[in-house]
Amino acid sequence: MATVSGIGLAKASELCAAVELANRIRRGNLPREEIETARKVWEIFGTEMQTHDREVLKVLMLDTRLRLIRDMDIAMGSLSECIVHPREVFRPAIIAKAYAIIVAHNHPSGDPSPSTNDHTLTRKLAETAKVLQITLCDHVIIGTADGGRQPYFSFRDTGILR
């Protein structure tokens, strides 16, 4: 490529890297992030999810080694709630042949404390996961670190989800 007029060694290297990246994406050979903790969910998705001015629920689809296959926004709600049915959460996981999922949503208020509706949704998701034999690893609520509090809440870490 560097022999083409107007393309130097640096640009040729960039083009080759872009072609290789496209080939890896097509083959599915990109290194995938392992997501085993709520902290990791926060590190990867926290900044993005804090930018939403309404609640957004996301599902992270994982393989048997808990590596991210893909993520998908499932529902967008209001300032204080996001209504979603378990079938909407698990449908993309079934299509992606996911072994496990993590559900994450934000609280635009910044307070990651779970509401009664969050507890109800987590219980329904856990029941559905058992029937479908898809592991529900966690339900993480993304907030902000105001006042020194932890910027997220994990149903797994608190023992609510086992």
C-alpha atoms as a PDB file:
ATOM      1  CA  MET A   1       0.000   0.000   0.000  1.00  0.00           C
ATOM      2  CA  ALA A   2       2.874   2.356   0.718  1.00  0.00           C
ATOM      3  CA  THR A   3       3.783   2.253  -2.962  1.00  0.00           C
ATOM      4  CA  VAL A   4       0.525   3.949  -3.950  1.00  0.00           C
ATOM      5  CA  SER A   5       1.008   7.639  -4.677  1.00  0.00           C
ATOM      6  CA  GLY A   6      -0.001   9.809  -1.697  1.00  0.00           C
ATOM      7  CA  ILE A   7       0.041   6.966   0.828  1.00  0.00           C
ATOM      8  CA  GLY A   8       3.024   6.939   3.121  1.00  0.00           C
ATOM      9  CA  LEU A   9       4.186   4.232   5.486  1.00  0.00           C
ATOM     10  CA  ALA A  10       2.110   5.541   8.418  1.00  0.00           C
ATOM     11  CA  LYS A  11      -1.133   5.739   6.408  1.00  0.00           C
ATOM     12  CA  ALA A  12      -0.487   2.306   4.872  1.00  0.00           C
ATOM     13  CA  SER A  13      -0.072   0.872   8.379  1.00  0.00           C
ATOM     14  CA  GLU A  14      -3.365   2.478   9.489  1.00  0.00           C
ATOM     15  CA  LEU A  15      -5.193   1.054   6.480  1.00  0.00           C
ATOM     16  CA  CYS A  16      -3.781  -2.424   7.055  1.00  0.00           C
ATOM     17  CA  ALA A  17      -4.783  -2.239  10.718  1.00  0.00           C
ATOM     18  CA  ALA A  18      -8.325  -1.153   9.751  1.00  0.00           C
ATOM     19  CA  VAL A  19      -8.653  -4.060   7.300  1.00  0.00           C
ATOM     20  CA  GLU A  20      -7.413  -6.509   9.946  1.00  0.00           C
ATOM     21  CA  LEU A  21      -9.845  -5.090  12.507  1.00  0.00           C
ATOM     22  CA  ALA A  22     -12.735  -5.468  10.041  1.00  0.00           C
ATOM     23  CA  ASN A  23     -11.713  -9.078   9.371  1.00  0.00           C
ATOM     24  CA  ARG A  24     -11.569  -9.853  13.097  1.00  0.00           C
ATOM     25  CA  ILE A  25     -14.987  -8.312  13.668  1.00  0.00           C
ATOM     26  CA  ARG A  26     -16.397 -10.343  10.781  1.00  0.00           C
ATOM     27  CA  ARG A  27     -14.840 -13.518  12.197  1.00  0.00           C
ATOM     28  CA  GLY A  28     -15.801 -12.629  15.758  1.00  0.00           C
ATOM     29  CA  ASN A  29     -12.224 -12.882  17.012  1.00  0.00           C
ATOM     30  CA  LEU A  30     -12.011  -9.605  18.889  1.00  0.00           C
ATOM     31  CA  PRO A  31     -10.785 -10.011  22.431  1.00  0.00           C
ATOM     32  CA  ARG A  32     -13.842  -9.770  24.635  1.00  0.00           C
ATOM     33  CA  GLU A  33     -13.958  -8.243  28.061  1.00  0.00           C
ATOM     34  CA  GLU A  34     -14.540 -10.591  31.004  1.00  0.00           C
ATOM     35  CA  ILE A  35     -17.247  -9.167  33.254  1.00  0.00           C
ATOM     36  CA  GLU A  36     -17.402 -10.926  36.607  1.00  0.00           C
ATOM     37  CA  THR A  37     -18.181  -8.063  38.993  1.00  0.00           C
ATOM     38  CA  ALA A  38     -20.490  -5.093  39.365  1.00  0.00           C
ATOM     39  CA  ARG A  39     -17.362  -2.948  39.609  1.00  0.00           C
ATOM     40  CA  LYS A  40     -16.393  -4.073  36.101  1.00  0.00           C
ATOM     41  CA  VAL A  41     -19.892  -3.192  34.819  1.00  0.00           C
ATOM     42  CA  TRP A  42     -19.424   0.253  36.365  1.00  0.00           C
ATOM     43  CA  GLU A  43     -15.967   0.668  34.812  1.00  0.00           C
ATOM     44  CA  ILE A  44     -17.146  -0.266  31.318  1.00  0.00           C
ATOM     45  CA  PHE A  45     -20.649   1.226  31.178  1.00  0.00           C
ATOM     46  CA  GLY A  46     -20.892   3.693  34.079  1.00  0.00           C
ATOM     47  CA  THR A  47     -19.812   6.844  32.267  1.00  0.00           C
ATOM     48  CA  GLU A  48     -22.090   6.139  29.302  1.00  0.00           C
ATOM     49  CA  MET A  49     -25.099   5.335  31.454  1.00  0.00           C
ATOM     50  CA  GLN A  50     -24.673   8.437  33.641  1.00  0.00           C
ATOM     51  CA  THR A  51     -25.221  10.650  30.593  1.00  0.00           C
ATOM     52  CA  HIS A  52     -28.857   9.555  30.146  1.00  0.00           C
ATOM     53  CA  ASP A  53     -31.520  11.910  31.475  1.00  0.00           C
ATOM     54  CA  ARG A  54     -34.041   9.039  31.621  1.00  0.00           C
ATOM     55  CA  GLU A  55     -33.762   5.497  32.898  1.00  0.00           C
ATOM     56  CA  VAL A  56     -32.263   3.124  30.341  1.00  0.00           C
ATOM     57  CA  LEU A  57     -32.089  -0.631  30.867  1.00  0.00           C
ATOM     58  CA  LYS A  58     -29.265  -2.537  29.216  1.00  0.00           C
ATOM     59  CA  VAL A  59     -28.582  -6.251  28.972  1.00  0.00           C
ATOM     60  CA  LEU A  60     -25.015  -7.568  28.777  1.00  0.00           C
ATOM     61  CA  MET A  61     -24.856 -10.944  27.082  1.00  0.00           C
ATOM     62  CA  LEU A  62     -21.995 -13.196  28.197  1.00  0.00           C
ATOM     63  CA  ASP A  63     -20.433 -16.456  27.068  1.00  0.00           C
ATOM     64  CA  THR A  64     -19.486 -19.368  29.350  1.00  0.00           C
ATOM     65  CA  ARG A  65     -16.332 -17.549  30.487  1.00  0.00           C
ATOM     66  CA  LEU A  66     -18.397 -14.450  31.309  1.00  0.00           C
ATOM     67  CA  ARG A  67     -16.872 -12.550  28.397  1.00  0.00           C
ATOM     68  CA  LEU A  68     -19.027  -9.930  26.775  1.00  0.00           C
ATOM     69  CA  ILE A  69     -20.653 -11.143  23.560  1.00  0.00           C
ATOM     70  CA  ARG A  70     -22.556  -7.900  23.118  1.00  0.00           C
ATOM     71  CA  ASP A  71     -24.665  -5.382  24.968  1.00  0.00           C
ATOM     72  CA  MET A  72     -28.016  -3.929  24.023  1.00  0.00           C
ATOM     73  CA  ASP A  73     -30.263  -1.173  25.315  1.00  0.00           C
ATOM     74  CA  ILE A  74     -33.620  -2.840  25.946  1.00  0.00           C
ATOM     75  CA  ALA A  75     -35.854  -0.054  27.220  1.00  0.00           C
ATOM     76  CA  MET A  76     -35.923   3.669  27.841  1.00  0.00           C
ATOM     77  CA  GLY A  77     -38.242   4.979  30.514  1.00  0.00           C
ATOM     78  CA  SER A  78     -38.945   8.186  32.341  1.00  0.00           C
ATOM     79  CA  LEU A  79     -36.930  10.148  34.854  1.00  0.00           C
ATOM     80  CA  SER A  80     -37.877   7.749  37.632  1.00  0.00           C
ATOM     81  CA  GLU A  81     -38.785   4.378  36.121  1.00  0.00           C
ATOM     82  CA  CYS A  82     -38.301   2.054  33.195  1.00  0.00           C
ATOM     83  CA  ILE A  83     -40.954  -0.571  32.590  1.00  0.00           C
ATOM     84  CA  VAL A  84     -39.684  -3.746  30.977  1.00  0.00           C
ATOM     85  CA  HIS A  85     -40.926  -7.312  30.676  1.00  0.00           C
ATOM     86  CA  PRO A  86     -38.528 -10.252  31.176  1.00  0.00           C
ATOM     87  CA  ARG A  87     -39.190 -11.486  27.609  1.00  0.00           C
ATOM     88  CA  GLU A  88     -37.700  -8.216  26.292  1.00  0.00           C
ATOM     89  CA  VAL A  89     -34.576  -8.800  28.367  1.00  0.00           C
ATOM     90  CA  PHE A  90     -34.065 -12.459  27.483  1.00  0.00           C
ATOM     91  CA  ARG A  91     -35.012 -12.385  23.783  1.00  0.00           C
ATOM     92  CA  PRO A  92     -31.681 -10.896  22.599  1.00  0.00           C
ATOM     93  CA  ALA A  93     -29.818 -13.216  24.985  1.00  0.00           C
ATOM     94  CA  ILE A  94     -31.490 -16.255  23.419  1.00  0.00           C
ATOM     95  CA  ILE A  95     -30.731 -14.989  19.916  1.00  0.00           C
ATOM     96  CA  ALA A  96     -27.085 -14.335  20.866  1.00  0.00           C
ATOM     97  CA  LYS A  97     -26.879 -17.816  22.449  1.00  0.00           C
ATOM     98  CA  ALA A  98     -25.716 -16.203  25.684  1.00  0.00           C
ATOM     99  CA  TYR A  99     -24.810 -18.419  28.612  1.00  0.00           C
ATOM    100  CA  ALA A 100     -25.371 -15.601  31.091  1.00  0.00           C
ATOM    101  CA  ILE A 101     -26.579 -12.025  31.337  1.00  0.00           C
ATOM    102  CA  ILE A 102     -26.094  -8.990  33.503  1.00  0.00           C
ATOM    103  CA  VAL A 103     -28.839  -6.402  33.568  1.00  0.00           C
ATOM    104  CA  ALA A 104     -27.853  -2.789  34.205  1.00  0.00           C
ATOM    105  CA  HIS A 105     -29.862   0.382  34.378  1.00  0.00           C
ATOM    106  CA  ASN A 106     -29.237   3.929  35.485  1.00  0.00           C
ATOM    107  CA  HIS A 107     -30.898   6.182  38.015  1.00  0.00           C
ATOM    108  CA  PRO A 108     -30.783   9.736  36.594  1.00  0.00           C
ATOM    109  CA  SER A 109     -31.190  11.086  40.150  1.00  0.00           C
ATOM    110  CA  GLY A 110     -27.694   9.750  40.858  1.00  0.00           C
ATOM    111  CA  ASP A 111     -28.860   7.643  43.824  1.00  0.00           C
ATOM    112  CA  PRO A 112     -28.239   3.985  42.930  1.00  0.00           C
ATOM    113  CA  SER A 113     -30.462   2.671  45.742  1.00  0.00           C
ATOM    114  CA  PRO A 114     -32.987   0.160  44.378  1.00  0.00           C
ATOM    115  CA  SER A 115     -36.679   0.959  44.308  1.00  0.00           C
ATOM    116  CA  THR A 116     -39.477  -1.491  45.046  1.00  0.00           C
ATOM    117  CA  ASN A 117     -39.927  -1.857  41.277  1.00  0.00           C
ATOM    118  CA  ASP A 118     -36.212  -2.681  40.890  1.00  0.00           C
ATOM    119  CA  HIS A 119     -36.560  -5.470  43.468  1.00  0.00           C
ATOM    120  CA  THR A 120     -39.678  -6.802  41.720  1.00  0.00           C
ATOM    121  CA  LEU A 121     -37.988  -6.780  38.314  1.00  0.00           C
ATOM    122  CA  THR A 122     -34.920  -8.569  39.685  1.00  0.00           C
ATOM    123  CA  ARG A 123     -37.101 -11.299  41.217  1.00  0.00           C
ATOM    124  CA  LYS A 124     -38.981 -11.780  37.920  1.00  0.00           C
ATOM    125  CA  LEU A 125     -35.735 -11.883  35.939  1.00  0.00           C
ATOM    126  CA  ALA A 126     -34.273 -14.481  38.317  1.00  0.00           C
ATOM    127  CA  GLU A 127     -37.372 -16.680  37.951  1.00  0.00           C
ATOM    128  CA  THR A 128     -37.286 -16.374  34.149  1.00  0.00           C
ATOM    129  CA  ALA A 129     -33.543 -17.085  34.043  1.00  0.00           C
ATOM    130  CA  LYS A 130     -34.084 -20.386  35.875  1.00  0.00           C
ATOM    131  CA  VAL A 131     -36.744 -21.489  33.392  1.00  0.00           C
ATOM    132  CA  LEU A 132     -34.601 -20.511  30.395  1.00  0.00           C
ATOM    133  CA  GLN A 133     -31.391 -21.885  31.952  1.00  0.00           C
ATOM    134  CA  ILE A 134     -29.581 -18.615  31.354  1.00  0.00           C
ATOM    135  CA  THR A 135     -27.538 -17.440  34.332  1.00  0.00           C
ATOM    136  CA  LEU A 136     -28.556 -14.044  35.709  1.00  0.00           C
ATOM    137  CA  CYS A 137     -25.215 -12.911  37.117  1.00  0.00           C
ATOM    138  CA  ASP A 138     -26.339  -9.560  38.471  1.00  0.00           C
ATOM    139  CA  HIS A 139     -28.620  -6.559  38.226  1.00  0.00           C
ATOM    140  CA  VAL A 140     -26.534  -3.401  38.590  1.00  0.00           C
ATOM    141  CA  ILE A 141     -27.971   0.062  39.128  1.00  0.00           C
ATOM    142  CA  ILE A 142     -25.726   2.894  37.961  1.00  0.00           C
ATOM    143  CA  GLY A 143     -25.785   6.163  39.887  1.00  0.00           C
ATOM    144  CA  THR A 144     -23.102   8.710  40.769  1.00  0.00           C
ATOM    145  CA  ALA A 145     -20.490   8.843  43.505  1.00  0.00           C
ATOM    146  CA  ASP A 146     -22.019  11.882  45.255  1.00  0.00           C
ATOM    147  CA  GLY A 147     -21.212  12.225  48.932  1.00  0.00           C
ATOM    148  CA  GLY A 148     -18.598   9.479  48.834  1.00  0.00           C
ATOM    149  CA  ARG A 149     -21.155   6.714  48.291  1.00  0.00           C
ATOM    150  CA  GLN A 150     -20.477   3.853  45.900  1.00  0.00           C
ATOM    151  CA  PRO A 151     -21.673   4.888  42.410  1.00  0.00           C
ATOM    152  CA  TYR A 152     -23.524   1.633  41.770  1.00  0.00           C
ATOM    153  CA  PHE A 153     -25.713  -0.919  43.513  1.00  0.00           C
ATOM    154  CA  SER A 154     -25.346  -4.653  42.918  1.00  0.00           C
ATOM    155  CA  PHE A 155     -28.119  -7.104  43.734  1.00  0.00           C
ATOM    156  CA  ARG A 156     -25.487  -9.891  43.735  1.00  0.00           C
ATOM    157  CA  ASP A 157     -23.014  -8.134  46.019  1.00  0.00           C
ATOM    158  CA  THR A 158     -25.716  -7.381  48.578  1.00  0.00           C
ATOM    159  CA  GLY A 159     -26.910 -11.020  48.591  1.00  0.00           C
ATOM    160  CA  ILE A 160     -30.368 -10.244  47.223  1.00  0.00           C
ATOM    161  CA  LEU A 161     -29.554 -12.130  44.021  1.00  0.00           C
ATOM    162  CA  ARG A 162     -27.804 -15.463  44.448  1.00  0.00           C
END
